[in-house]
Amino acid sequence: MKKIFVCMVFAVMLAALSACGNEVKADREQPAGTENIAVSADMETGTGHDVQEQRSDSNEAESEANAGQILDDTEADLESEEEDAVDTVADSDSEDINEEADHMDNTMKITAGDTTFTATFADNSSAEALKELLAGGPLTIRMSDYADMEKVGPIGTSLPKNDEQITTGAGDIILYQGNSLVIYYDTNAWNFTRIGKINDVTQAELLEAFGDGDVTVTFSLG
């Protein structure tokens, strides 16, 4: 009987010790699991915030880069437009200068007394030869009236001829026989070399300037 009692007491003690051991084990395991879950949650939350912050920083950097590129492109466009404007003005000035130079190269002055006319050279070798002659200085000729239709005078040298059948008009400047200049104030039909023409002049204006007798006329480059 005593042995049975002792065995029962021993069994109860073992049961009690086993229960205590399970509680201690449960207490030790529970905080570790909770802590792991909390740490895991914190890590996930922290990573999400970091990713969001990185994306935000990346978007801001991209926006700044785009804004900078737009500003650079705008400045480049403005500089290009300014350069184009400067080039256009320069080209226009150059064209004006060239046109003025061409005009001067293709015109001559004809002076009688106080009156000066502007004439345009013809497009032939005779006119080019007269230009070269006048490039050495003005040419002054004593011209006489002939047949009430022209003034004629010797050049003092010979120029190449380009004769053709023409009908003259007021202001025509003719090379006659290669060694004389003629200024017509009336019509005439013959084989002549037209060397130039006085611009915008009438018969009456020519007669008033040259008169009805001999006249001294100076030819010079315009």
C-alpha atoms as a PDB file:
ATOM      1  CA  MET A   1       0.000   0.000   0.000  1.00  0.00           C
ATOM      2  CA  LYS A   2       2.802   2.305   0.886  1.00  0.00           C
ATOM      3  CA  LYS A   3       4.494   1.539  -2.428  1.00  0.00           C
ATOM      4  CA  ILE A   4       1.346   2.397  -4.336  1.00  0.00           C
ATOM      5  CA  PHE A   5       1.120   5.761  -2.576  1.00  0.00           C
ATOM      6  CA  VAL A   6       4.709   6.578  -3.280  1.00  0.00           C
ATOM      7  CA  CYS A   7       4.224   5.761  -6.942  1.00  0.00           C
ATOM      8  CA  MET A   8       1.189   8.001  -7.190  1.00  0.00           C
ATOM      9  CA  VAL A   9       3.016  10.908  -5.539  1.00  0.00           C
ATOM     10  CA  PHE A  10       5.932  10.426  -7.914  1.00  0.00           C
ATOM     11  CA  ALA A  11       3.556  10.375 -10.926  1.00  0.00           C
ATOM     12  CA  VAL A  12       1.871  13.594  -9.785  1.00  0.00           C
ATOM     13  CA  MET A  13       5.266  15.299  -9.400  1.00  0.00           C
ATOM     14  CA  LEU A  14       6.319  14.175 -12.855  1.00  0.00           C
ATOM     15  CA  ALA A  15       3.085  15.509 -14.316  1.00  0.00           C
ATOM     16  CA  ALA A  16       3.541  18.807 -12.504  1.00  0.00           C
ATOM     17  CA  LEU A  17       7.165  19.094 -13.653  1.00  0.00           C
ATOM     18  CA  SER A  18       6.138  18.284 -17.248  1.00  0.00           C
ATOM     19  CA  ALA A  19       3.398  20.963 -17.201  1.00  0.00           C
ATOM     20  CA  CYS A  20       5.815  23.578 -15.880  1.00  0.00           C
ATOM     21  CA  GLY A  21       8.325  22.642 -18.547  1.00  0.00           C
ATOM     22  CA  ASN A  22       5.718  23.073 -21.303  1.00  0.00           C
ATOM     23  CA  GLU A  23       4.700  26.502 -19.949  1.00  0.00           C
ATOM     24  CA  VAL A  24       8.311  27.673 -19.843  1.00  0.00           C
ATOM     25  CA  LYS A  25       8.884  26.404 -23.379  1.00  0.00           C
ATOM     26  CA  ALA A  26       5.697  28.126 -24.599  1.00  0.00           C
ATOM     27  CA  ASP A  27       6.739  31.372 -22.871  1.00  0.00           C
ATOM     28  CA  ARG A  28      10.167  31.229 -24.508  1.00  0.00           C
ATOM     29  CA  GLU A  29       8.879  30.413 -27.978  1.00  0.00           C
ATOM     30  CA  GLN A  30       6.005  32.937 -28.089  1.00  0.00           C
ATOM     31  CA  PRO A  31       8.018  36.210 -27.776  1.00  0.00           C
ATOM     32  CA  ALA A  32      10.560  34.977 -30.328  1.00  0.00           C
ATOM     33  CA  GLY A  33       7.850  34.333 -32.937  1.00  0.00           C
ATOM     34  CA  THR A  34       6.115  37.651 -32.219  1.00  0.00           C
ATOM     35  CA  GLU A  35       9.421  39.472 -32.413  1.00  0.00           C
ATOM     36  CA  ASN A  36      10.238  37.822 -35.716  1.00  0.00           C
ATOM     37  CA  ILE A  37       6.833  38.802 -37.122  1.00  0.00           C
ATOM     38  CA  ALA A  38       7.269  42.395 -35.869  1.00  0.00           C
ATOM     39  CA  VAL A  39      10.773  42.608 -37.256  1.00  0.00           C
ATOM     40  CA  SER A  40       9.574  41.152 -40.555  1.00  0.00           C
ATOM     41  CA  ALA A  41       6.713  43.665 -40.694  1.00  0.00           C
ATOM     42  CA  ASP A  42       9.052  46.547 -39.861  1.00  0.00           C
ATOM     43  CA  MET A  43      11.475  45.408 -42.556  1.00  0.00           C
ATOM     44  CA  GLU A  44       8.688  45.178 -45.120  1.00  0.00           C
ATOM     45  CA  THR A  45       7.309  48.596 -44.101  1.00  0.00           C
ATOM     46  CA  GLY A  46      10.752  50.155 -44.111  1.00  0.00           C
ATOM     47  CA  THR A  47      11.558  48.706 -47.525  1.00  0.00           C
ATOM     48  CA  GLY A  48       8.297  50.042 -48.965  1.00  0.00           C
ATOM     49  CA  HIS A  49       9.063  53.533 -47.630  1.00  0.00           C
ATOM     50  CA  ASP A  50      12.583  53.383 -49.022  1.00  0.00           C
ATOM     51  CA  VAL A  51      11.321  52.280 -52.435  1.00  0.00           C
ATOM     52  CA  GLN A  52       8.693  55.020 -52.431  1.00  0.00           C
ATOM     53  CA  GLU A  53      11.279  57.625 -51.435  1.00  0.00           C
ATOM     54  CA  GLN A  54      13.671  56.378 -54.113  1.00  0.00           C
ATOM     55  CA  ARG A  55      10.919  56.549 -56.740  1.00  0.00           C
ATOM     56  CA  SER A  56      10.010  60.062 -55.615  1.00  0.00           C
ATOM     57  CA  ASP A  57      13.644  61.147 -55.753  1.00  0.00           C
ATOM     58  CA  SER A  58      13.984  59.521 -59.192  1.00  0.00           C
ATOM     59  CA  ASN A  59      10.855  61.326 -60.493  1.00  0.00           C
ATOM     60  CA  GLU A  60      12.101  64.666 -59.178  1.00  0.00           C
ATOM     61  CA  ALA A  61      15.506  64.106 -60.757  1.00  0.00           C
ATOM     62  CA  GLU A  62      13.863  63.147 -64.056  1.00  0.00           C
ATOM     63  CA  SER A  63      11.603  66.230 -63.947  1.00  0.00           C
ATOM     64  CA  GLU A  64      14.577  68.469 -63.259  1.00  0.00           C
ATOM     65  CA  ALA A  65      16.503  66.831 -66.094  1.00  0.00           C
ATOM     66  CA  ASN A  66      13.545  67.295 -68.481  1.00  0.00           C
ATOM     67  CA  ALA A  67      13.133  70.920 -67.417  1.00  0.00           C
ATOM     68  CA  GLY A  68      16.840  71.489 -67.932  1.00  0.00           C
ATOM     69  CA  GLN A  69      16.696  69.885 -71.387  1.00  0.00           C
ATOM     70  CA  ILE A  70      13.687  72.009 -72.375  1.00  0.00           C
ATOM     71  CA  LEU A  71      15.513  75.150 -71.206  1.00  0.00           C
ATOM     72  CA  ASP A  72      18.637  74.150 -73.112  1.00  0.00           C
ATOM     73  CA  ASP A  73      16.588  73.418 -76.245  1.00  0.00           C
ATOM     74  CA  THR A  74      14.792  76.774 -75.929  1.00  0.00           C
ATOM     75  CA  GLU A  75      18.062  78.656 -75.508  1.00  0.00           C
ATOM     76  CA  ALA A  76      19.540  76.777 -78.462  1.00  0.00           C
ATOM     77  CA  ASP A  77      16.495  77.656 -80.599  1.00  0.00           C
ATOM     78  CA  LEU A  78      16.744  81.335 -79.594  1.00  0.00           C
ATOM     79  CA  GLU A  79      20.465  81.404 -80.384  1.00  0.00           C
ATOM     80  CA  SER A  80      19.792  79.739 -83.735  1.00  0.00           C
ATOM     81  CA  GLU A  81      17.059  82.266 -84.549  1.00  0.00           C
ATOM     82  CA  GLU A  82      19.360  85.152 -83.594  1.00  0.00           C
ATOM     83  CA  GLU A  83      22.131  83.727 -85.774  1.00  0.00           C
ATOM     84  CA  ASP A  84      19.691  83.275 -88.657  1.00  0.00           C
ATOM     85  CA  ALA A  85      18.508  86.874 -88.224  1.00  0.00           C
ATOM     86  CA  VAL A  86      22.097  88.154 -88.206  1.00  0.00           C
ATOM     87  CA  ASP A  87      22.910  86.043 -91.277  1.00  0.00           C
ATOM     88  CA  THR A  88      19.804  87.345 -93.049  1.00  0.00           C
ATOM     89  CA  VAL A  89      20.745  90.967 -92.333  1.00  0.00           C
ATOM     90  CA  ALA A  90      24.334  90.294 -93.408  1.00  0.00           C
ATOM     91  CA  ASP A  91      23.150  88.594 -96.616  1.00  0.00           C
ATOM     92  CA  SER A  92      20.762  91.455 -97.316  1.00  0.00           C
ATOM     93  CA  ASP A  93      23.513  94.042 -96.760  1.00  0.00           C
ATOM     94  CA  SER A  94      25.867  92.027 -98.947  1.00  0.00           C
ATOM     95  CA  GLU A  95      23.245  91.793-101.699  1.00  0.00           C
ATOM     96  CA  ASP A  96      22.617  95.550-101.496  1.00  0.00           C
ATOM     97  CA  ILE A  97      26.347  96.245-101.729  1.00  0.00           C
ATOM     98  CA  ASN A  98      26.721  93.855-104.652  1.00  0.00           C
ATOM     99  CA  GLU A  99      23.730  95.354-106.442  1.00  0.00           C
ATOM    100  CA  GLU A 100      25.087  98.847-105.888  1.00  0.00           C
ATOM    101  CA  ALA A 101      28.524  97.771-107.145  1.00  0.00           C
ATOM    102  CA  ASP A 102      26.972  96.085-110.190  1.00  0.00           C
ATOM    103  CA  HIS A 103      24.908  99.189-110.873  1.00  0.00           C
ATOM    104  CA  MET A 104      27.977 101.421-110.663  1.00  0.00           C
ATOM    105  CA  ASP A 105      29.979  99.070-112.882  1.00  0.00           C
ATOM    106  CA  ASN A 106      27.240  99.129-115.505  1.00  0.00           C
ATOM    107  CA  THR A 107      26.553 102.867-115.650  1.00  0.00           C
ATOM    108  CA  MET A 108      28.332 105.988-116.871  1.00  0.00           C
ATOM    109  CA  LYS A 109      27.798 109.696-116.480  1.00  0.00           C
ATOM    110  CA  ILE A 110      27.421 112.024-119.474  1.00  0.00           C
ATOM    111  CA  THR A 111      27.901 115.693-118.658  1.00  0.00           C
ATOM    112  CA  ALA A 112      27.235 118.686-120.875  1.00  0.00           C
ATOM    113  CA  GLY A 113      27.553 122.078-119.211  1.00  0.00           C
ATOM    114  CA  ASP A 114      25.582 121.964-115.948  1.00  0.00           C
ATOM    115  CA  THR A 115      23.534 118.910-116.964  1.00  0.00           C
ATOM    116  CA  THR A 116      24.530 115.320-116.153  1.00  0.00           C
ATOM    117  CA  PHE A 117      22.733 112.269-117.478  1.00  0.00           C
ATOM    118  CA  THR A 118      23.092 108.650-116.347  1.00  0.00           C
ATOM    119  CA  ALA A 119      23.446 105.980-119.017  1.00  0.00           C
ATOM    120  CA  THR A 120      23.479 102.186-118.909  1.00  0.00           C
ATOM    121  CA  PHE A 121      26.087 100.209-120.829  1.00  0.00           C
ATOM    122  CA  ALA A 122      25.038  97.709-123.497  1.00  0.00           C
ATOM    123  CA  ASP A 123      25.995  94.060-123.097  1.00  0.00           C
ATOM    124  CA  ASN A 124      28.763  93.593-125.655  1.00  0.00           C
ATOM    125  CA  SER A 125      32.538  93.746-126.075  1.00  0.00           C
ATOM    126  CA  SER A 126      32.356  97.336-127.330  1.00  0.00           C
ATOM    127  CA  ALA A 127      30.796  98.512-124.099  1.00  0.00           C
ATOM    128  CA  GLU A 128      33.371  96.551-122.074  1.00  0.00           C
ATOM    129  CA  ALA A 129      36.164  98.233-124.024  1.00  0.00           C
ATOM    130  CA  LEU A 130      34.675 101.664-123.321  1.00  0.00           C
ATOM    131  CA  LYS A 131      34.462 100.790-119.615  1.00  0.00           C
ATOM    132  CA  GLU A 132      38.154  99.924-119.608  1.00  0.00           C
ATOM    133  CA  LEU A 133      38.928 103.203-121.375  1.00  0.00           C
ATOM    134  CA  LEU A 134      36.909 105.222-118.844  1.00  0.00           C
ATOM    135  CA  ALA A 135      38.516 103.312-115.941  1.00  0.00           C
ATOM    136  CA  GLY A 136      41.652 105.308-116.755  1.00  0.00           C
ATOM    137  CA  GLY A 137      39.754 108.564-116.223  1.00  0.00           C
ATOM    138  CA  PRO A 138      36.955 110.683-117.760  1.00  0.00           C
ATOM    139  CA  LEU A 139      36.840 111.085-121.535  1.00  0.00           C
ATOM    140  CA  THR A 140      36.042 114.574-122.854  1.00  0.00           C
ATOM    141  CA  ILE A 141      34.942 114.879-126.488  1.00  0.00           C
ATOM    142  CA  ARG A 142      34.105 117.862-128.678  1.00  0.00           C
ATOM    143  CA  MET A 143      30.860 116.796-130.389  1.00  0.00           C
ATOM    144  CA  SER A 144      29.199 118.352-133.413  1.00  0.00           C
ATOM    145  CA  ASP A 145      25.603 118.303-134.568  1.00  0.00           C
ATOM    146  CA  TYR A 146      24.819 116.177-137.604  1.00  0.00           C
ATOM    147  CA  ALA A 147      21.596 116.160-139.655  1.00  0.00           C
ATOM    148  CA  ASP A 148      19.541 117.495-136.756  1.00  0.00           C
ATOM    149  CA  MET A 149      19.397 114.026-135.230  1.00  0.00           C
ATOM    150  CA  GLU A 150      22.673 113.414-133.376  1.00  0.00           C
ATOM    151  CA  LYS A 151      25.857 114.692-131.778  1.00  0.00           C
ATOM    152  CA  VAL A 152      29.055 112.982-132.931  1.00  0.00           C
ATOM    153  CA  GLY A 153      32.709 113.224-131.875  1.00  0.00           C
ATOM    154  CA  PRO A 154      35.986 111.243-132.133  1.00  0.00           C
ATOM    155  CA  ILE A 155      37.179 109.029-129.265  1.00  0.00           C
ATOM    156  CA  GLY A 156      40.835 109.300-130.157  1.00  0.00           C
ATOM    157  CA  THR A 157      41.226 105.531-130.296  1.00  0.00           C
ATOM    158  CA  SER A 158      39.491 102.505-131.801  1.00  0.00           C
ATOM    159  CA  LEU A 159      37.161 100.090-129.992  1.00  0.00           C
ATOM    160  CA  PRO A 160      35.855  96.701-131.181  1.00  0.00           C
ATOM    161  CA  LYS A 161      32.679  96.907-133.233  1.00  0.00           C
ATOM    162  CA  ASN A 162      29.465  94.871-132.894  1.00  0.00           C
ATOM    163  CA  ASP A 163      27.464  96.354-135.753  1.00  0.00           C
ATOM    164  CA  GLU A 164      23.880  95.291-136.357  1.00  0.00           C
ATOM    165  CA  GLN A 165      20.862  96.733-138.103  1.00  0.00           C
ATOM    166  CA  ILE A 166      19.068  98.927-135.544  1.00  0.00           C
ATOM    167  CA  THR A 167      16.778 101.917-135.387  1.00  0.00           C
ATOM    168  CA  THR A 168      17.942 104.558-132.949  1.00  0.00           C
ATOM    169  CA  GLY A 169      15.890 106.527-130.481  1.00  0.00           C
ATOM    170  CA  ALA A 170      16.402 109.473-128.126  1.00  0.00           C
ATOM    171  CA  GLY A 171      19.295 108.753-125.754  1.00  0.00           C
ATOM    172  CA  ASP A 172      20.953 105.937-127.742  1.00  0.00           C
ATOM    173  CA  ILE A 173      24.758 106.027-127.551  1.00  0.00           C
ATOM    174  CA  ILE A 174      26.327 104.547-130.690  1.00  0.00           C
ATOM    175  CA  LEU A 175      29.872 103.516-131.598  1.00  0.00           C
ATOM    176  CA  TYR A 176      30.370 104.670-135.172  1.00  0.00           C
ATOM    177  CA  GLN A 177      33.104 103.062-137.319  1.00  0.00           C
ATOM    178  CA  GLY A 178      34.832 101.975-134.107  1.00  0.00           C
ATOM    179  CA  ASN A 179      36.380 105.384-133.425  1.00  0.00           C
ATOM    180  CA  SER A 180      33.537 107.848-132.760  1.00  0.00           C
ATOM    181  CA  LEU A 181      30.727 108.185-130.218  1.00  0.00           C
ATOM    182  CA  VAL A 182      27.292 109.352-131.253  1.00  0.00           C
ATOM    183  CA  ILE A 183      24.446 110.510-129.011  1.00  0.00           C
ATOM    184  CA  TYR A 184      21.118 110.332-130.835  1.00  0.00           C
ATOM    185  CA  TYR A 185      18.191 112.583-130.044  1.00  0.00           C
ATOM    186  CA  ASP A 186      16.155 111.466-133.068  1.00  0.00           C
ATOM    187  CA  THR A 187      15.599 108.268-135.051  1.00  0.00           C
ATOM    188  CA  ASN A 188      17.908 106.716-137.638  1.00  0.00           C
ATOM    189  CA  ALA A 189      18.165 103.199-139.096  1.00  0.00           C
ATOM    190  CA  TRP A 190      21.583 101.782-140.016  1.00  0.00           C
ATOM    191  CA  ASN A 191      24.253  99.207-139.097  1.00  0.00           C
ATOM    192  CA  PHE A 192      25.457 100.505-135.781  1.00  0.00           C
ATOM    193  CA  THR A 193      27.005  99.267-132.548  1.00  0.00           C
ATOM    194  CA  ARG A 194      24.827 100.257-129.620  1.00  0.00           C
ATOM    195  CA  ILE A 195      27.206 100.938-126.727  1.00  0.00           C
ATOM    196  CA  GLY A 196      24.727 102.305-124.186  1.00  0.00           C
ATOM    197  CA  LYS A 197      21.594 104.358-123.609  1.00  0.00           C
ATOM    198  CA  ILE A 198      20.831 107.437-121.521  1.00  0.00           C
ATOM    199  CA  ASN A 199      18.184 106.548-118.944  1.00  0.00           C
ATOM    200  CA  ASP A 200      14.732 108.128-118.945  1.00  0.00           C
ATOM    201  CA  VAL A 201      15.443 111.063-121.225  1.00  0.00           C
ATOM    202  CA  THR A 202      13.390 112.837-123.875  1.00  0.00           C
ATOM    203  CA  GLN A 203      14.406 114.488-127.132  1.00  0.00           C
ATOM    204  CA  ALA A 204      13.555 117.895-125.698  1.00  0.00           C
ATOM    205  CA  GLU A 205      15.774 117.345-122.637  1.00  0.00           C
ATOM    206  CA  LEU A 206      18.710 116.304-124.843  1.00  0.00           C
ATOM    207  CA  LEU A 207      18.303 119.303-127.163  1.00  0.00           C
ATOM    208  CA  GLU A 208      18.137 121.629-124.191  1.00  0.00           C
ATOM    209  CA  ALA A 209      21.354 120.186-122.704  1.00  0.00           C
ATOM    210  CA  PHE A 210      23.374 119.859-125.951  1.00  0.00           C
ATOM    211  CA  GLY A 211      22.013 122.815-127.934  1.00  0.00           C
ATOM    212  CA  ASP A 212      22.034 123.023-131.749  1.00  0.00           C
ATOM    213  CA  GLY A 213      25.767 123.447-132.346  1.00  0.00           C
ATOM    214  CA  ASP A 214      29.066 122.038-131.101  1.00  0.00           C
ATOM    215  CA  VAL A 215      29.184 120.958-127.475  1.00  0.00           C
ATOM    216  CA  THR A 216      31.811 119.593-125.105  1.00  0.00           C
ATOM    217  CA  VAL A 217      30.651 116.332-123.506  1.00  0.00           C
ATOM    218  CA  THR A 218      32.428 114.398-120.736  1.00  0.00           C
ATOM    219  CA  PHE A 219      31.946 110.651-120.330  1.00  0.00           C
ATOM    220  CA  SER A 220      32.867 108.991-116.985  1.00  0.00           C
ATOM    221  CA  LEU A 221      32.077 105.840-115.040  1.00  0.00           C
ATOM    222  CA  GLY A 222      28.985 106.067-112.880  1.00  0.00           C
END
